[in-house]
């Protein structure tokens, strides 16, 4: 097996290849970011609404009105 030396051009080509892959991944993920943010916001809102409703039921007073 012959040993070959790694040249500056080899490194440069590999870094450009990796950088291109990262840029493609970044561009494909960009449209999904707002969708994920909206989904997380709605999820937090629903959980807060449910917990607030539940706590309100536990802490509310029951008042009976009777005719005399």
PDB file of N, CA and C in Angstrom:
ATOM      1  N   UNK A   1       0.835  -1.163   0.000  1.00  0.00           N
ATOM      2  CA  UNK A   1       0.000   0.000   0.000  1.00  0.00           C
ATOM      3  C   UNK A   1       0.889   1.238   0.000  1.00  0.00           C
ATOM      4  N   UNK A   2       0.713   2.045  -0.983  1.00  0.00           N
ATOM      5  CA  UNK A   2       1.554   3.231  -1.115  1.00  0.00           C
ATOM      6  C   UNK A   2       0.984   4.361  -0.261  1.00  0.00           C
ATOM      7  N   UNK A   3       1.867   5.020   0.459  1.00  0.00           N
ATOM      8  CA  UNK A   3       1.440   6.145   1.283  1.00  0.00           C
ATOM      9  C   UNK A   3       1.448   7.409   0.435  1.00  0.00           C
ATOM     10  N   UNK A   4       0.358   8.126   0.468  1.00  0.00           N
ATOM     11  CA  UNK A   4       0.314   9.383  -0.277  1.00  0.00           C
ATOM     12  C   UNK A   4       0.152  10.525   0.719  1.00  0.00           C
ATOM     13  N   UNK A   5       0.756  11.624   0.409  1.00  0.00           N
ATOM     14  CA  UNK A   5       0.680  12.775   1.302  1.00  0.00           C
ATOM     15  C   UNK A   5      -0.571  13.580   0.998  1.00  0.00           C
ATOM     16  N   UNK A   6      -1.111  14.162   2.029  1.00  0.00           N
ATOM     17  CA  UNK A   6      -2.292  15.011   1.883  1.00  0.00           C
ATOM     18  C   UNK A   6      -1.811  16.415   1.543  1.00  0.00           C
ATOM     19  N   UNK A   7      -2.323  16.908   0.450  1.00  0.00           N
ATOM     20  CA  UNK A   7      -1.886  18.238   0.008  1.00  0.00           C
ATOM     21  C   UNK A   7      -2.894  19.299   0.446  1.00  0.00           C
ATOM     22  N   UNK A   8      -2.464  20.513   0.302  1.00  0.00           N
ATOM     23  CA  UNK A   8      -3.318  21.653   0.638  1.00  0.00           C
ATOM     24  C   UNK A   8      -4.574  21.659  -0.234  1.00  0.00           C
ATOM     25  N   UNK A   9      -4.430  21.286  -1.501  1.00  0.00           N
ATOM     26  CA  UNK A   9      -5.569  21.241  -2.415  1.00  0.00           C
ATOM     27  C   UNK A   9      -6.578  20.168  -2.002  1.00  0.00           C
ATOM     28  N   UNK A  10      -6.078  19.032  -1.495  1.00  0.00           N
ATOM     29  CA  UNK A  10      -6.973  17.976  -1.024  1.00  0.00           C
ATOM     30  C   UNK A  10      -7.824  18.471   0.149  1.00  0.00           C
ATOM     31  N   UNK A  11      -7.163  19.135   1.089  1.00  0.00           N
ATOM     32  CA  UNK A  11      -7.875  19.667   2.246  1.00  0.00           C
ATOM     33  C   UNK A  11      -8.904  20.721   1.831  1.00  0.00           C
ATOM     34  N   UNK A  12      -8.497  21.597   0.935  1.00  0.00           N
ATOM     35  CA  UNK A  12      -9.392  22.662   0.485  1.00  0.00           C
ATOM     36  C   UNK A  12     -10.626  22.079  -0.202  1.00  0.00           C
ATOM     37  N   UNK A  13     -10.433  21.077  -1.035  1.00  0.00           N
ATOM     38  CA  UNK A  13     -11.559  20.448  -1.738  1.00  0.00           C
ATOM     39  C   UNK A  13     -12.512  19.777  -0.750  1.00  0.00           C
ATOM     40  N   UNK A  14     -11.968  19.112   0.245  1.00  0.00           N
ATOM     41  CA  UNK A  14     -12.812  18.424   1.233  1.00  0.00           C
ATOM     42  C   UNK A  14     -13.592  19.423   2.087  1.00  0.00           C
ATOM     43  N   UNK A  15     -12.942  20.526   2.496  1.00  0.00           N
ATOM     44  CA  UNK A  15     -13.636  21.543   3.287  1.00  0.00           C
ATOM     45  C   UNK A  15     -14.760  22.207   2.486  1.00  0.00           C
ATOM     46  N   UNK A  16     -14.518  22.450   1.190  1.00  0.00           N
ATOM     47  CA  UNK A  16     -15.557  23.028   0.350  1.00  0.00           C
ATOM     48  C   UNK A  16     -16.734  22.074   0.192  1.00  0.00           C
ATOM     49  N   UNK A  17     -16.434  20.778   0.098  1.00  0.00           N
ATOM     50  CA  UNK A  17     -17.491  19.768  -0.002  1.00  0.00           C
ATOM     51  C   UNK A  17     -18.338  19.746   1.281  1.00  0.00           C
ATOM     52  N   UNK A  18     -17.674  19.778   2.430  1.00  0.00           N
ATOM     53  CA  UNK A  18     -18.391  19.775   3.702  1.00  0.00           C
ATOM     54  C   UNK A  18     -19.204  21.050   3.880  1.00  0.00           C
ATOM     55  N   UNK A  19     -18.632  22.184   3.494  1.00  0.00           N
ATOM     56  CA  UNK A  19     -19.327  23.460   3.618  1.00  0.00           C
ATOM     57  C   UNK A  19     -20.575  23.492   2.738  1.00  0.00           C
ATOM     58  N   UNK A  20     -20.477  22.912   1.552  1.00  0.00           N
ATOM     59  CA  UNK A  20     -21.623  22.837   0.656  1.00  0.00           C
ATOM     60  C   UNK A  20     -22.751  22.006   1.254  1.00  0.00           C
ATOM     61  N   UNK A  21     -22.423  20.911   1.901  1.00  0.00           N
ATOM     62  CA  UNK A  21     -23.430  20.071   2.559  1.00  0.00           C
ATOM     63  C   UNK A  21     -24.106  20.787   3.707  1.00  0.00           C
ATOM     64  N   UNK A  22     -23.328  21.548   4.462  1.00  0.00           N
ATOM     65  CA  UNK A  22     -23.887  22.303   5.584  1.00  0.00           C
ATOM     66  C   UNK A  22     -24.828  23.384   5.077  1.00  0.00           C
ATOM     67  N   UNK A  23     -24.434  24.076   4.012  1.00  0.00           N
ATOM     68  CA  UNK A  23     -25.287  25.128   3.452  1.00  0.00           C
ATOM     69  C   UNK A  23     -26.593  24.556   2.912  1.00  0.00           C
ATOM     70  N   UNK A  24     -26.539  23.371   2.275  1.00  0.00           N
ATOM     71  CA  UNK A  24     -27.758  22.734   1.768  1.00  0.00           C
ATOM     72  C   UNK A  24     -28.681  22.360   2.924  1.00  0.00           C
ATOM     73  N   UNK A  25     -28.138  21.831   3.998  1.00  0.00           N
ATOM     74  CA  UNK A  25     -28.944  21.447   5.154  1.00  0.00           C
ATOM     75  C   UNK A  25     -29.569  22.677   5.800  1.00  0.00           C
ATOM     76  N   UNK A  26     -28.815  23.751   5.862  1.00  0.00           N
ATOM     77  CA  UNK A  26     -29.323  24.988   6.448  1.00  0.00           C
ATOM     78  C   UNK A  26     -30.474  25.546   5.622  1.00  0.00           C
ATOM     79  N   UNK A  27     -30.329  25.540   4.306  1.00  0.00           N
ATOM     80  CA  UNK A  27     -31.376  26.058   3.432  1.00  0.00           C
ATOM     81  C   UNK A  27     -32.626  25.193   3.482  1.00  0.00           C
ATOM     82  N   UNK A  28     -32.483  23.899   3.621  1.00  0.00           N
ATOM     83  CA  UNK A  28     -33.655  23.026   3.674  1.00  0.00           C
ATOM     84  C   UNK A  28     -34.360  23.111   5.026  1.00  0.00           C
ATOM     85  N   UNK A  29     -33.644  23.441   6.090  1.00  0.00           N
ATOM     86  CA  UNK A  29     -34.248  23.529   7.416  1.00  0.00           C
ATOM     87  C   UNK A  29     -34.880  24.890   7.677  1.00  0.00           C
ATOM     88  N   UNK A  30     -34.512  25.907   6.930  1.00  0.00           N
ATOM     89  CA  UNK A  30     -35.002  27.263   7.173  1.00  0.00           C
ATOM     90  C   UNK A  30     -36.525  27.370   7.120  1.00  0.00           C
ATOM     91  N   UNK A  31     -37.241  26.789   6.138  1.00  0.00           N
ATOM     92  CA  UNK A  31     -38.708  26.915   6.126  1.00  0.00           C
ATOM     93  C   UNK A  31     -39.385  26.207   7.298  1.00  0.00           C
ATOM     94  N   UNK A  32     -38.746  25.232   7.887  1.00  0.00           N
ATOM     95  CA  UNK A  32     -39.354  24.473   8.977  1.00  0.00           C
ATOM     96  C   UNK A  32     -39.287  25.210  10.310  1.00  0.00           C
ATOM     97  N   UNK A  33     -38.401  26.168  10.454  1.00  0.00           N
ATOM     98  CA  UNK A  33     -38.210  26.849  11.732  1.00  0.00           C
ATOM     99  C   UNK A  33     -39.468  27.593  12.179  1.00  0.00           C
ATOM    100  N   UNK A  34     -40.114  28.413  11.343  1.00  0.00           N
ATOM    101  CA  UNK A  34     -41.340  29.082  11.795  1.00  0.00           C
ATOM    102  C   UNK A  34     -42.459  28.102  12.121  1.00  0.00           C
ATOM    103  N   UNK A  35     -42.552  27.021  11.361  1.00  0.00           N
ATOM    104  CA  UNK A  35     -43.592  26.023  11.618  1.00  0.00           C
ATOM    105  C   UNK A  35     -43.388  25.370  12.984  1.00  0.00           C
ATOM    106  N   UNK A  36     -42.170  25.045  13.307  1.00  0.00           N
ATOM    107  CA  UNK A  36     -41.868  24.442  14.609  1.00  0.00           C
ATOM    108  C   UNK A  36     -42.147  25.443  15.729  1.00  0.00           C
ATOM    109  N   UNK A  37     -41.800  26.712  15.517  1.00  0.00           N
ATOM    110  CA  UNK A  37     -42.038  27.734  16.540  1.00  0.00           C
ATOM    111  C   UNK A  37     -43.534  27.893  16.804  1.00  0.00           C
ATOM    112  N   UNK A  38     -44.335  27.888  15.764  1.00  0.00           N
ATOM    113  CA  UNK A  38     -45.789  28.009  15.926  1.00  0.00           C
ATOM    114  C   UNK A  38     -46.342  26.785  16.653  1.00  0.00           C
ATOM    115  N   UNK A  39     -45.873  25.607  16.278  1.00  0.00           N
ATOM    116  CA  UNK A  39     -46.356  24.379  16.918  1.00  0.00           C
ATOM    117  C   UNK A  39     -46.010  24.367  18.407  1.00  0.00           C
ATOM    118  N   UNK A  40     -44.820  24.791  18.764  1.00  0.00           N
ATOM    119  CA  UNK A  40     -44.420  24.833  20.172  1.00  0.00           C
ATOM    120  C   UNK A  40     -45.256  25.865  20.935  1.00  0.00           C
ATOM    121  N   UNK A  41     -45.507  27.015  20.311  1.00  0.00           N
ATOM    122  CA  UNK A  41     -46.312  28.055  20.957  1.00  0.00           C
ATOM    123  C   UNK A  41     -47.737  27.571  21.220  1.00  0.00           C
ATOM    124  N   UNK A  42     -48.326  26.926  20.234  1.00  0.00           N
ATOM    125  CA  UNK A  42     -49.690  26.408  20.411  1.00  0.00           C
ATOM    126  C   UNK A  42     -49.703  25.340  21.494  1.00  0.00           C
ATOM    127  N   UNK A  43     -48.704  24.488  21.514  1.00  0.00           N
ATOM    128  CA  UNK A  43     -48.632  23.449  22.546  1.00  0.00           C
ATOM    129  C   UNK A  43     -48.529  24.034  23.942  1.00  0.00           C
ATOM    130  N   UNK A  44     -47.703  25.055  24.109  1.00  0.00           N
ATOM    131  CA  UNK A  44     -47.574  25.704  25.418  1.00  0.00           C
ATOM    132  C   UNK A  44     -48.886  26.357  25.816  1.00  0.00           C
ATOM    133  N   UNK A  45     -49.567  26.998  24.852  1.00  0.00           N
ATOM    134  CA  UNK A  45     -50.846  27.641  25.133  1.00  0.00           C
ATOM    135  C   UNK A  45     -51.888  26.621  25.585  1.00  0.00           C
ATOM    136  N   UNK A  46     -51.964  25.481  24.915  1.00  0.00           N
ATOM    137  CA  UNK A  46     -52.949  24.453  25.268  1.00  0.00           C
ATOM    138  C   UNK A  46     -52.663  23.886  26.655  1.00  0.00           C
ATOM    139  N   UNK A  47     -51.403  23.642  26.956  1.00  0.00           N
ATOM    140  CA  UNK A  47     -51.048  23.116  28.277  1.00  0.00           C
ATOM    141  C   UNK A  47     -51.399  24.134  29.365  1.00  0.00           C
ATOM    142  N   UNK A  48     -51.091  25.415  29.138  1.00  0.00           N
ATOM    143  CA  UNK A  48     -51.411  26.453  30.121  1.00  0.00           C
ATOM    144  C   UNK A  48     -52.919  26.576  30.301  1.00  0.00           C
ATOM    145  N   UNK A  49     -53.666  26.491  29.215  1.00  0.00           N
ATOM    146  CA  UNK A  49     -55.125  26.572  29.291  1.00  0.00           C
ATOM    147  C   UNK A  49     -55.690  25.408  30.098  1.00  0.00           C
ATOM    148  N   UNK A  50     -55.205  24.207  29.825  1.00  0.00           N
ATOM    149  CA  UNK A  50     -55.667  23.026  30.544  1.00  0.00           C
ATOM    150  C   UNK A  50     -55.334  23.107  32.031  1.00  0.00           C
ATOM    151  N   UNK A  51     -54.104  23.505  32.350  1.00  0.00           N
ATOM    152  CA  UNK A  51     -53.715  23.603  33.759  1.00  0.00           C
ATOM    153  C   UNK A  51     -54.507  24.700  34.476  1.00  0.00           C
ATOM    154  N   UNK A  52     -54.748  25.811  33.796  1.00  0.00           N
ATOM    155  CA  UNK A  52     -55.535  26.881  34.399  1.00  0.00           C
ATOM    156  C   UNK A  52     -56.964  26.456  34.653  1.00  0.00           C
ATOM    157  N   UNK A  53     -57.554  25.734  33.731  1.00  0.00           N
ATOM    158  CA  UNK A  53     -58.919  25.233  33.900  1.00  0.00           C
ATOM    159  C   UNK A  53     -58.979  24.257  35.067  1.00  0.00           C
ATOM    160  N   UNK A  54     -57.997  23.403  35.148  1.00  0.00           N
ATOM    161  CA  UNK A  54     -57.969  22.393  36.207  1.00  0.00           C
ATOM    162  C   UNK A  54     -57.778  23.043  37.581  1.00  0.00           C
ATOM    163  N   UNK A  55     -56.857  23.997  37.673  1.00  0.00           N
ATOM    164  CA  UNK A  55     -56.630  24.663  38.950  1.00  0.00           C
ATOM    165  C   UNK A  55     -57.849  25.499  39.344  1.00  0.00           C
ATOM    166  N   UNK A  56     -58.513  26.090  38.374  1.00  0.00           N
ATOM    167  CA  UNK A  56     -59.710  26.873  38.654  1.00  0.00           C
ATOM    168  C   UNK A  56     -60.821  26.011  39.213  1.00  0.00           C
ATOM    169  N   UNK A  57     -60.943  24.795  38.717  1.00  0.00           N
ATOM    170  CA  UNK A  57     -61.969  23.882  39.249  1.00  0.00           C
ATOM    171  C   UNK A  57     -61.640  23.455  40.677  1.00  0.00           C
ATOM    172  N   UNK A  58     -60.377  23.223  40.956  1.00  0.00           N
ATOM    173  CA  UNK A  58     -59.986  22.771  42.293  1.00  0.00           C
ATOM    174  C   UNK A  58     -60.181  23.868  43.335  1.00  0.00           C
ATOM    175  N   UNK A  59     -59.922  25.111  42.976  1.00  0.00           N
ATOM    176  CA  UNK A  59     -59.930  26.197  43.948  1.00  0.00           C
ATOM    177  C   UNK A  59     -61.235  26.973  43.995  1.00  0.00           C
ATOM    178  N   UNK A  60     -62.209  26.609  43.199  1.00  0.00           N
ATOM    179  CA  UNK A  60     -63.453  27.373  43.199  1.00  0.00           C
ATOM    180  C   UNK A  60     -64.352  26.904  44.342  1.00  0.00           C
ATOM    181  N   UNK A  61     -65.093  27.841  44.864  1.00  0.00           N
ATOM    182  CA  UNK A  61     -66.000  27.543  45.963  1.00  0.00           C
ATOM    183  C   UNK A  61     -67.334  27.072  45.396  1.00  0.00           C
ATOM    184  N   UNK A  62     -67.957  26.152  46.104  1.00  0.00           N
ATOM    185  CA  UNK A  62     -69.289  25.681  45.716  1.00  0.00           C
ATOM    186  C   UNK A  62     -70.283  26.394  46.636  1.00  0.00           C
ATOM    187  N   UNK A  63     -71.198  27.105  46.038  1.00  0.00           N
ATOM    188  CA  UNK A  63     -72.188  27.881  46.796  1.00  0.00           C
ATOM    189  C   UNK A  63     -73.570  27.295  46.521  1.00  0.00           C
ATOM    190  N   UNK A  64     -74.275  26.969  47.583  1.00  0.00           N
ATOM    191  CA  UNK A  64     -75.627  26.472  47.430  1.00  0.00           C
ATOM    192  C   UNK A  64     -76.594  27.585  47.804  1.00  0.00           C
ATOM    193  N   UNK A  65     -77.611  27.763  47.012  1.00  0.00           N
ATOM    194  CA  UNK A  65     -78.641  28.762  47.312  1.00  0.00           C
ATOM    195  C   UNK A  65     -79.933  28.000  47.609  1.00  0.00           C
ATOM    196  N   UNK A  66     -80.453  28.238  48.800  1.00  0.00           N
ATOM    197  CA  UNK A  66     -81.696  27.571  49.209  1.00  0.00           C
ATOM    198  C   UNK A  66     -82.757  28.617  49.518  1.00  0.00           C
ATOM    199  N   UNK A  67     -83.968  28.282  49.184  1.00  0.00           N
ATOM    200  CA  UNK A  67     -85.077  29.164  49.529  1.00  0.00           C
ATOM    201  C   UNK A  67     -85.506  28.883  50.957  1.00  0.00           C
ATOM    202  N   UNK A  68     -85.806  29.907  51.658  1.00  0.00           N
ATOM    203  CA  UNK A  68     -86.269  29.736  53.028  1.00  0.00           C
ATOM    204  C   UNK A  68     -87.749  29.830  53.149  1.00  0.00           C
TER     205      UNK A  68
END
